[in-house]
Protein backbone atom coordinates (compact mmCIF):
# COMPACT_ATOMS: atom_id res chain seq x y z
CA UNK A 1 114.29 97.01 112.45
CA UNK A 2 116.72 95.00 110.38
CA UNK A 3 116.21 91.29 110.83
CA UNK A 4 119.03 89.13 112.13
CA UNK A 5 118.52 85.49 111.21
CA UNK A 6 119.71 84.21 114.59
CA UNK A 7 117.20 86.42 116.35
CA UNK A 8 114.41 85.23 114.13
CA UNK A 9 115.29 81.56 114.70
CA UNK A 10 115.63 82.08 118.48
CA UNK A 11 112.27 83.93 118.61
CA UNK A 12 110.48 81.23 116.64
CA UNK A 13 111.99 78.46 118.81
CA UNK A 14 110.90 80.27 121.92
CA UNK A 15 107.42 80.75 120.52
CA UNK A 16 107.59 84.52 120.71
CA UNK A 17 104.37 85.69 118.98
CA UNK A 18 106.10 88.71 117.34
CA UNK A 19 108.81 86.60 115.78
CA UNK A 20 106.31 83.89 114.74
CA UNK A 21 104.25 86.57 112.98
CA UNK A 22 107.36 87.92 111.26
CA UNK A 23 108.25 84.39 110.11
CA UNK A 24 104.72 83.83 108.83
CA UNK A 25 104.89 87.03 106.73
CA UNK A 26 108.32 86.06 105.34
CA UNK A 27 107.12 82.51 104.62
CA UNK A 28 104.13 83.88 102.69
CA UNK A 29 106.45 86.10 100.63
CA UNK A 30 108.73 83.15 99.80
CA UNK A 31 105.71 81.02 98.78
CA UNK A 32 104.42 83.86 96.58
CA UNK A 33 107.92 84.11 94.90
CA UNK A 34 107.94 80.35 94.46
CA UNK A 35 104.56 80.36 92.70
CA UNK A 36 105.28 83.42 90.56
CA UNK A 37 108.93 82.80 89.65
CA UNK A 38 110.24 79.32 90.51
CA UNK A 39 107.32 77.43 89.10
CA UNK A 40 106.80 79.91 86.26
CA UNK A 41 110.06 79.15 84.53
CA UNK A 42 113.02 79.65 86.84
CA UNK A 43 113.14 76.00 87.85
CA UNK A 44 113.10 74.89 84.21
CA UNK A 45 115.75 77.50 83.36
CA UNK A 46 118.20 76.34 86.05
CA UNK A 47 117.66 72.70 85.25
CA UNK A 48 118.62 73.41 81.60
CA UNK A 49 121.77 75.32 82.63
CA UNK A 50 125.18 74.00 81.80
CA UNK A 51 126.56 75.51 84.97
CA UNK A 52 125.65 75.22 88.64
CA UNK A 53 125.41 79.01 88.90
CA UNK A 54 123.40 81.64 87.11
CA UNK A 55 122.98 85.40 87.49
CA UNK A 56 120.54 87.96 86.19
CA UNK A 57 118.53 91.03 86.83
CA UNK A 58 121.38 93.48 86.58
CA UNK A 59 119.78 95.87 84.08
CA UNK A 60 116.07 95.68 83.38
CA UNK A 61 113.44 97.75 81.58
CA UNK A 62 111.05 97.47 84.56
CA UNK A 63 113.46 99.06 87.01
CA UNK A 64 114.51 101.74 84.56
CA UNK A 65 110.89 102.68 84.05
CA UNK A 66 110.27 102.72 87.80
CA UNK A 67 113.48 104.60 88.52
CA UNK A 68 114.81 101.85 90.75
CA UNK A 69 117.89 99.79 91.03
CA UNK A 70 117.23 96.34 89.50
CA UNK A 71 116.76 93.30 91.68
CA UNK A 72 119.61 90.84 91.15
CA UNK A 73 118.77 87.16 90.88
CA UNK A 74 121.43 84.52 91.60
CA UNK A 75 121.01 80.81 91.64
CA UNK A 76 123.39 78.02 92.59
CA UNK A 77 122.32 74.37 92.36
CA UNK A 78 123.99 71.32 93.80
CA UNK A 79 122.96 67.96 95.23
CA UNK A 80 119.30 68.43 94.20
CA UNK A 81 118.90 71.81 95.97
CA UNK A 82 118.92 75.24 94.46
CA UNK A 83 119.95 78.33 96.43
CA UNK A 84 118.11 81.40 95.13
CA UNK A 85 119.10 84.89 96.19
CA UNK A 86 117.35 88.11 95.27
CA UNK A 87 118.98 91.38 96.22
CA UNK A 88 119.38 95.07 95.71
CA UNK A 89 122.53 96.78 96.90
CA UNK A 90 123.71 95.00 100.07
CA UNK A 91 120.17 93.82 100.98
CA UNK A 92 119.17 90.26 100.11
CA UNK A 93 116.80 87.35 100.72
CA UNK A 94 118.04 83.82 100.12
CA UNK A 95 115.87 80.76 99.70
CA UNK A 96 116.43 77.08 99.06
CA UNK A 97 114.29 75.13 96.55
CA UNK A 98 114.10 71.51 95.54
CA UNK A 99 115.76 71.50 92.12
CA UNK A 100 113.51 68.87 90.53
CA UNK A 101 110.30 68.59 92.53
CA UNK A 102 107.01 69.86 91.14
CA UNK A 103 105.82 70.23 94.75
CA UNK A 104 106.15 73.49 96.66
CA UNK A 105 109.13 73.01 98.94
CA UNK A 106 110.95 76.35 98.79
CA UNK A 107 111.91 77.85 102.15
CA UNK A 108 113.66 80.88 103.56
CA UNK A 109 117.41 80.40 103.99
CA UNK A 110 118.77 83.75 105.12
CA UNK A 111 118.28 87.52 105.15
CA UNK A 112 120.78 90.28 104.87
CA UNK A 113 120.44 93.93 105.80
CA UNK A 114 116.63 94.05 105.42
CA UNK A 115 113.54 94.78 107.44
CA UNK A 116 110.50 92.55 107.02
CA UNK A 117 108.87 95.03 104.66
CA UNK A 118 112.12 95.40 102.61
CA UNK A 119 112.48 91.60 102.33
CA UNK A 120 108.87 91.29 101.07
CA UNK A 121 109.44 94.19 98.66
CA UNK A 122 112.53 92.48 97.26
CA UNK A 123 110.65 89.25 96.69
CA UNK A 124 107.71 91.06 95.08
CA UNK A 125 109.95 93.24 92.90
CA UNK A 126 111.86 90.14 91.76
CA UNK A 127 108.56 88.48 90.81
CA UNK A 128 107.32 91.62 88.97
CA UNK A 129 110.61 91.77 87.10
CA UNK A 130 110.28 88.09 86.20
CA UNK A 131 106.69 88.47 85.06
CA UNK A 132 107.73 91.39 82.85
CA UNK A 133 110.28 89.05 81.19
CA UNK A 134 113.16 91.07 82.52
CA UNK A 135 116.39 90.08 84.16
CA UNK A 136 116.40 86.42 83.28
CA UNK A 137 119.48 84.71 84.70
CA UNK A 138 122.13 83.29 82.37
CA UNK A 139 124.88 80.75 83.00
CA UNK A 140 127.56 82.25 85.18
CA UNK A 141 130.56 80.15 86.17
CA UNK A 142 131.50 82.81 88.77
CA UNK A 143 128.42 82.18 90.96
CA UNK A 144 129.16 79.79 93.79
CA UNK A 145 130.03 79.48 97.44
CA UNK A 146 132.91 81.27 99.00
């Protein structure tokens, strides 16, 4: 089933064990992404950017070899927070990270058109792409809100 953020939040608040388990799986995926991507160079890259927004991952060697559509990686930083979105097609996972902290503070922000397994796959594929040195984001003045 595709996850609707409002349903996830409602289920967690009501203590529904199924939704709590789903949230735990998603949280673990976000923390894995944080360790493998954010703290392995993405944080440093966005801090060095001349723009608030960056985009990358549009064409990568990894995805070409695997016969897959690349995972896009968008970032937008403001007021000490960095929105990170990984996506493929119209499916996405968004997270919010602390722009400057060395401590693990990244959390899930929103999901779009994904099941739990698809969300976790997106996060993992983005990390694999990053670890392969592929799809690094570059300054992009067109990335923003709205």
